């Protein structure tokens, strides 16, 4: 059975790019758009758990 967990993510604009952070896991990412930073953060958490 697959387990589901929820994490808190913060995305903020810094200079000309967005940064994001999963608070509980201390995983960060960045991107030039909100959609890109979301995709990069999902990829980072997938790598963290693989």
Protein backbone atom coordinates (compact mmCIF):
# COMPACT_ATOMS: atom_id res chain seq x y z
CA UNK A 1 0.00 0.00 0.00
CA UNK A 2 1.26 3.46 -0.92
CA UNK A 3 1.64 6.02 1.84
CA UNK A 4 0.85 9.67 1.32
CA UNK A 5 2.58 12.46 3.20
CA UNK A 6 2.04 16.19 3.07
CA UNK A 7 4.86 18.72 3.28
CA UNK A 8 4.91 22.48 3.60
CA UNK A 9 6.54 24.32 0.69
CA UNK A 10 7.43 27.99 0.60
CA UNK A 11 7.98 29.71 -2.75
CA UNK A 12 9.25 33.26 -2.90
CA UNK A 13 10.57 35.68 -5.48
CA UNK A 14 14.20 36.68 -4.93
CA UNK A 15 15.65 39.14 -7.44
CA UNK A 16 14.67 37.71 -10.87
CA UNK A 17 14.05 34.06 -9.92
CA UNK A 18 11.94 32.01 -7.55
CA UNK A 19 13.28 29.90 -4.70
CA UNK A 20 11.41 27.18 -2.87
CA UNK A 21 11.91 25.17 0.29
CA UNK A 22 10.28 22.11 1.82
CA UNK A 23 10.40 23.06 5.47
CA UNK A 24 10.18 19.59 7.02
CA UNK A 25 12.94 18.09 4.86
CA UNK A 26 15.17 21.13 4.29
CA UNK A 27 15.09 20.57 0.50
CA UNK A 28 15.43 23.65 -1.68
CA UNK A 29 15.11 24.40 -5.38
CA UNK A 30 14.90 27.34 -7.73
CA UNK A 31 13.47 28.33 -11.10
CA UNK A 32 12.72 31.31 -13.30
CA UNK A 33 8.92 30.85 -13.06
CA UNK A 34 6.57 29.52 -10.40
CA UNK A 35 5.74 26.49 -12.54
CA UNK A 36 9.42 25.72 -13.09
CA UNK A 37 10.26 26.00 -9.39
CA UNK A 38 7.32 23.69 -8.55
CA UNK A 39 8.53 21.09 -11.08
CA UNK A 40 12.09 21.35 -9.77
CA UNK A 41 10.91 20.93 -6.19
CA UNK A 42 8.89 17.82 -7.05
CA UNK A 43 11.96 16.38 -8.79
CA UNK A 44 14.14 17.17 -5.77
CA UNK A 45 11.80 15.39 -3.36
CA UNK A 46 11.49 12.38 -5.67
CA UNK A 47 15.30 12.10 -5.72
CA UNK A 48 15.43 12.52 -1.96
CA UNK A 49 13.12 9.52 -1.41
CA UNK A 50 14.59 7.28 -4.15
